Amino acid sequence: MDMSRTISGYLHRIGADRPAVPDAVALRDLQVRHLRTVPFENLSVHLGEEIVLDEGALVAKVVERKRGGLCYELNGAFAVLLRELGFRVTRLQARVFTADGALGIPYDHMTLLVETPARTGSGRGADRWLADVGFGNHSTHPLAFDERGDQRDPAGTFRVVAGPDGDVDVVRDGKPQFRVDQRPRALADFAAGAWYHRTSPDSHFTRSLVCSRNTHDGRITLAGDRLVSTVGGERRERELAGDAEILAAYREHFGLELDQVPQVGVNRKEE
């Protein structure tokens, strides 16, 4: 892989320039642009496609195939981009809180710890950020990992709070989102989590279709045949009529050129 050419293609995909320095401003810009361009989607689950946890394959899916993916794919690819741009990046595993407050499986989610040069007067050698482009409707900006107070974000008010056994919990508007284990992880460590979410009937990804991305004033989501847009807090929903209109919506709103309409369970590969 010609990494220089690949990274140029990645930056072009998200509409970003190569940053002069890998600092906090550049990190925020890259995350925002990624969220607005590359959709969070589980379509591979229902198209019989493998989820390949290999850096080259992950970047190729985003850059060459112009697709999105699950957290393992999106944050996996984003980690490569950041590293090649000079950021120090560590993969972390997290468990997602369910609606009733229970925790999901280990390696339920991949998130990224990113270091940038310390801000003047911070007293630290580096600032640490929780960067995430793979949790769907989540924080728009990276979260200050060592800040324990409220963090205002276009998506709400976030807090990073101490959890048990050295873990930290990410909380949004008072509701816990996921619990982060601070120990560094390799990409291969997430294989079991990716397999579970691609194959298990207990995973919500095998039971539903989702394709979603941020917009400059809200969010747009295609869930099966329902196109949902949120603009300035106002939610609008429209049912699409037929495969042609669904495929056109994938193309128009997410830049996805699909040969067939994904359908829940029809093309999912059992293992």
Protein backbone atom coordinates (compact mmCIF):
# COMPACT_ATOMS: atom_id res chain seq x y z
CA MET A 1 0.00 0.00 0.00
CA ASP A 2 1.27 3.45 -0.97
CA MET A 3 0.49 5.01 2.41
CA SER A 4 1.18 8.60 1.34
CA ARG A 5 -1.24 8.29 -1.57
CA THR A 6 -3.77 6.45 0.59
CA ILE A 7 -3.74 9.13 3.28
CA SER A 8 -4.16 11.82 0.62
CA GLY A 9 -7.18 9.90 -0.64
CA TYR A 10 -8.55 9.60 2.90
CA LEU A 11 -8.21 13.35 3.48
CA HIS A 12 -9.92 13.98 0.16
CA ARG A 13 -12.80 11.67 1.14
CA ILE A 14 -13.51 13.68 4.28
CA GLY A 15 -12.76 17.06 2.71
CA ALA A 16 -9.78 17.86 4.93
CA ASP A 17 -6.35 19.34 4.32
CA ARG A 18 -3.26 17.74 5.77
CA PRO A 19 -2.73 19.54 9.10
CA ALA A 20 0.50 21.46 9.55
CA VAL A 21 0.84 20.08 13.09
CA PRO A 22 -0.98 17.23 14.87
CA ASP A 23 -2.59 19.38 17.53
CA ALA A 24 -5.98 19.55 19.25
CA VAL A 25 -7.41 21.96 16.66
CA ALA A 26 -6.50 19.60 13.83
CA LEU A 27 -7.92 16.60 15.71
CA ARG A 28 -11.26 18.33 16.23
CA ASP A 29 -11.45 19.34 12.57
CA LEU A 30 -10.66 15.82 11.38
CA GLN A 31 -13.26 14.25 13.67
CA VAL A 32 -16.00 16.67 12.64
CA ARG A 33 -15.29 16.18 8.94
CA HIS A 34 -15.18 12.39 9.35
CA LEU A 35 -18.53 12.33 11.14
CA ARG A 36 -20.16 14.46 8.44
CA THR A 37 -18.80 12.38 5.57
CA VAL A 38 -18.30 8.72 6.49
CA PRO A 39 -21.51 7.08 7.74
CA PHE A 40 -21.91 4.78 10.68
CA GLU A 41 -23.54 1.76 9.02
CA ASN A 42 -24.06 -1.96 9.55
CA LEU A 43 -24.88 -2.83 5.95
CA SER A 44 -22.08 -5.40 5.65
CA VAL A 45 -23.90 -7.50 8.25
CA HIS A 46 -26.87 -7.82 5.88
CA LEU A 47 -24.94 -8.02 2.61
CA GLY A 48 -22.94 -11.12 3.52
CA GLU A 49 -19.69 -9.13 3.72
CA GLU A 50 -16.87 -9.92 6.11
CA ILE A 51 -15.73 -7.39 8.69
CA VAL A 52 -11.98 -7.62 8.21
CA LEU A 53 -9.91 -6.18 11.05
CA ASP A 54 -6.83 -5.39 9.00
CA GLU A 55 -5.59 -1.82 8.70
CA GLY A 56 -5.24 -1.97 4.93
CA ALA A 57 -8.73 -3.42 4.48
CA LEU A 58 -10.30 -0.90 6.87
CA VAL A 59 -8.76 2.10 5.16
CA ALA A 60 -9.60 0.68 1.72
CA LYS A 61 -13.26 0.33 2.70
CA VAL A 62 -13.41 4.01 3.61
CA VAL A 63 -11.18 5.42 0.88
CA GLU A 64 -11.53 3.12 -2.15
CA ARG A 65 -14.97 1.60 -1.60
CA LYS A 66 -16.31 4.84 -0.12
CA ARG A 67 -18.24 3.01 2.56
CA GLY A 68 -18.71 3.47 6.28
CA GLY A 69 -18.90 0.73 8.88
CA LEU A 70 -19.19 -0.27 12.52
CA CYS A 71 -17.05 1.17 15.31
CA TYR A 72 -14.28 -1.37 14.73
CA GLU A 73 -14.03 -0.30 11.10
CA LEU A 74 -14.51 3.45 11.48
CA ASN A 75 -12.31 3.99 14.51
CA GLY A 76 -9.88 1.37 13.19
CA ALA A 77 -9.45 3.32 9.97
CA PHE A 78 -9.45 6.70 11.73
CA ALA A 79 -6.61 5.48 13.96
CA VAL A 80 -4.51 4.79 10.88
CA LEU A 81 -5.22 8.24 9.47
CA LEU A 82 -4.34 9.98 12.73
CA ARG A 83 -1.17 7.96 13.23
CA GLU A 84 0.06 8.71 9.72
CA LEU A 85 -0.60 12.42 10.33
CA GLY A 86 1.63 12.36 13.41
CA PHE A 87 -0.81 11.83 16.27
CA ARG A 88 -0.10 9.32 19.01
CA VAL A 89 -3.09 6.96 19.05
CA THR A 90 -4.07 4.12 21.39
CA ARG A 91 -7.01 1.78 20.79
CA LEU A 92 -9.19 1.18 23.83
CA GLN A 93 -11.98 -1.31 24.37
CA ALA A 94 -15.29 -0.30 25.87
CA ARG A 95 -18.54 -1.89 27.00
CA VAL A 96 -21.75 -0.15 26.03
CA PHE A 97 -24.45 0.53 28.61
CA THR A 98 -27.86 -0.86 27.69
CA ALA A 99 -31.11 1.02 28.21
CA ASP A 100 -31.59 -0.64 31.61
CA GLY A 101 -28.08 0.29 32.79
CA ALA A 102 -26.44 -3.11 32.26
CA LEU A 103 -23.15 -3.50 30.40
CA GLY A 104 -22.71 -5.16 27.03
CA ILE A 105 -20.02 -7.66 26.10
CA PRO A 106 -16.28 -6.96 26.45
CA TYR A 107 -14.94 -5.40 23.25
CA ASP A 108 -18.44 -4.13 22.53
CA HIS A 109 -16.94 -0.91 21.22
CA MET A 110 -13.60 0.47 20.04
CA THR A 111 -12.69 4.04 20.92
CA LEU A 112 -9.44 5.99 20.56
CA LEU A 113 -7.18 7.78 23.02
CA VAL A 114 -5.27 10.49 21.16
CA GLU A 115 -2.44 12.64 22.51
CA THR A 116 -1.70 16.17 21.34
CA PRO A 117 0.82 18.78 22.52
CA ALA A 118 -0.23 20.17 25.89
CA ARG A 119 -2.00 23.49 25.99
CA THR A 120 -0.03 26.32 27.55
CA GLY A 121 -0.42 26.36 31.31
CA SER A 122 -1.96 22.88 31.53
CA GLY A 123 0.99 21.51 33.49
CA ARG A 124 0.94 18.29 31.47
CA GLY A 125 3.35 16.87 28.93
CA ALA A 126 0.47 16.14 26.56
CA ASP A 127 -3.28 16.55 26.38
CA ARG A 128 -5.31 13.37 26.01
CA TRP A 129 -8.54 13.14 24.04
CA LEU A 130 -11.18 10.49 23.54
CA ALA A 131 -11.72 10.62 19.79
CA ASP A 132 -14.59 8.60 18.34
CA VAL A 133 -16.12 8.47 14.86
CA GLY A 134 -17.78 5.08 15.38
CA PHE A 135 -20.49 5.39 18.03
CA GLY A 136 -23.27 6.73 15.85
CA ASN A 137 -25.06 9.62 17.51
CA HIS A 138 -22.35 10.70 19.94
CA SER A 139 -20.13 13.69 20.70
CA THR A 140 -19.25 15.83 17.71
CA HIS A 141 -15.91 16.91 19.17
CA PRO A 142 -13.21 14.86 20.89
CA LEU A 143 -13.67 14.70 24.65
CA ALA A 144 -10.92 15.83 27.03
CA PHE A 145 -10.02 12.50 28.63
CA ASP A 146 -8.63 13.91 31.87
CA GLU A 147 -11.36 16.52 32.40
CA ARG A 148 -13.90 15.48 35.04
CA GLY A 149 -16.33 18.37 34.69
CA ASP A 150 -19.05 19.09 32.15
CA GLN A 151 -17.95 19.24 28.51
CA ARG A 152 -20.34 21.15 26.27
CA ASP A 153 -20.71 19.71 22.79
CA PRO A 154 -23.16 20.27 19.90
CA ALA A 155 -24.59 16.82 20.74
CA GLY A 156 -25.15 17.53 24.44
CA THR A 157 -23.29 17.77 27.73
CA PHE A 158 -20.69 15.08 28.30
CA ARG A 159 -18.68 13.98 31.30
CA VAL A 160 -15.78 11.54 31.62
CA VAL A 161 -16.06 10.11 35.13
CA ALA A 162 -14.10 7.59 37.16
CA GLY A 163 -15.48 4.06 37.07
CA PRO A 164 -14.57 0.85 38.91
CA ASP A 165 -11.15 -0.82 38.66
CA GLY A 166 -9.51 2.09 36.88
CA ASP A 167 -12.10 2.27 34.09
CA VAL A 168 -13.81 5.51 33.08
CA ASP A 169 -17.43 6.05 32.07
CA VAL A 170 -18.54 8.39 29.31
CA VAL A 171 -21.81 10.08 30.26
CA ARG A 172 -24.07 12.10 27.96
CA ASP A 173 -26.75 14.38 29.42
CA GLY A 174 -26.60 12.39 32.66
CA LYS A 175 -26.96 8.98 30.96
CA PRO A 176 -23.96 6.56 30.88
CA GLN A 177 -22.95 5.68 27.31
CA PHE A 178 -20.00 3.29 27.62
CA ARG A 179 -17.29 2.17 30.04
CA VAL A 180 -13.69 2.44 28.84
CA ASP A 181 -10.87 0.12 29.87
CA GLN A 182 -7.69 2.23 29.78
CA ARG A 183 -5.33 -0.60 28.83
CA PRO A 184 -3.99 -0.37 25.24
CA ARG A 185 -5.40 -2.92 22.80
CA ALA A 186 -4.32 -4.35 19.47
CA LEU A 187 -6.65 -4.34 16.47
CA ALA A 188 -6.88 -8.14 16.56
CA ASP A 189 -8.23 -8.01 20.11
CA PHE A 190 -11.57 -6.79 18.75
CA ALA A 191 -12.15 -9.80 16.48
CA ALA A 192 -14.51 -11.56 18.90
CA GLY A 193 -16.61 -8.42 19.40
CA ALA A 194 -16.85 -7.86 15.65
CA TRP A 195 -17.82 -11.50 15.09
CA TYR A 196 -20.51 -11.27 17.77
CA HIS A 197 -22.07 -8.16 16.31
CA ARG A 198 -22.02 -9.61 12.79
CA THR A 199 -23.52 -12.99 13.67
CA SER A 200 -25.32 -13.11 17.01
CA PRO A 201 -29.12 -12.87 17.09
CA ASP A 202 -28.64 -11.05 20.40
CA SER A 203 -26.81 -8.18 18.73
CA HIS A 204 -28.99 -5.25 17.69
CA PHE A 205 -26.89 -4.98 14.52
CA THR A 206 -28.21 -8.29 13.20
CA ARG A 207 -31.80 -7.27 13.93
CA SER A 208 -31.86 -3.88 12.25
CA LEU A 209 -30.46 -1.75 9.44
CA VAL A 210 -28.81 1.58 10.08
CA CYS A 211 -26.89 4.10 8.00
CA SER A 212 -26.35 7.46 9.68
CA ARG A 213 -24.11 10.51 9.65
CA ASN A 214 -23.85 13.98 11.13
CA THR A 215 -24.84 17.04 9.13
CA HIS A 216 -23.88 20.66 9.75
CA ASP A 217 -27.21 21.28 11.50
CA GLY A 218 -28.29 17.85 12.72
CA ARG A 219 -28.28 14.25 11.58
CA ILE A 220 -29.63 12.06 8.78
CA THR A 221 -30.37 8.36 9.11
CA LEU A 222 -31.68 5.66 6.78
CA ALA A 223 -33.14 2.77 8.76
CA GLY A 224 -34.40 0.22 6.26
CA ASP A 225 -37.00 2.13 4.26
CA ARG A 226 -37.34 5.05 6.70
CA LEU A 227 -35.37 8.23 6.06
CA VAL A 228 -35.09 10.30 9.24
CA SER A 229 -33.59 13.78 9.36
CA THR A 230 -33.08 16.02 12.36
CA VAL A 231 -32.54 19.71 11.66
CA GLY A 232 -32.17 22.16 14.52
CA GLY A 233 -33.79 19.68 16.88
CA GLU A 234 -36.82 19.11 14.61
CA ARG A 235 -37.27 15.47 13.55
CA ARG A 236 -38.76 14.52 10.19
CA GLU A 237 -39.42 10.99 8.97
CA ARG A 238 -40.35 9.73 5.50
CA GLU A 239 -41.05 6.22 4.27
CA LEU A 240 -39.35 5.40 0.98
CA ALA A 241 -41.27 3.57 -1.71
CA GLY A 242 -39.41 0.69 -3.34
CA ASP A 243 -35.84 -0.39 -3.94
CA ALA A 244 -35.00 2.32 -6.47
CA GLU A 245 -35.84 5.09 -4.03
CA ILE A 246 -33.94 3.38 -1.19
CA LEU A 247 -30.82 2.91 -3.34
CA ALA A 248 -31.09 6.54 -4.46
CA ALA A 249 -31.22 7.65 -0.81
CA TYR A 250 -28.08 5.66 0.04
CA ARG A 251 -26.37 7.33 -2.91
CA GLU A 252 -27.65 10.88 -2.39
CA HIS A 253 -27.35 11.19 1.38
CA PHE A 254 -24.42 8.88 2.17
CA GLY A 255 -22.45 8.54 -1.06
CA LEU A 256 -22.95 4.76 -1.07
CA GLU A 257 -23.24 3.01 -4.43
CA LEU A 258 -24.98 -0.29 -3.64
CA ASP A 259 -25.95 -3.04 -6.09
CA GLN A 260 -28.80 -4.29 -3.92
CA VAL A 261 -30.95 -3.12 -1.03
CA PRO A 262 -29.78 -4.64 2.24
CA GLN A 263 -32.50 -6.54 4.07
CA VAL A 264 -32.38 -7.70 7.67
CA GLY A 265 -31.30 -11.32 7.94
CA VAL A 266 -31.59 -12.14 4.22
CA ASN A 267 -27.90 -11.99 3.33
CA ARG A 268 -26.36 -12.35 6.78
CA LYS A 269 -23.72 -15.06 6.82
CA GLU A 270 -24.14 -17.49 9.70
CA GLU A 271 -21.07 -18.96 11.34
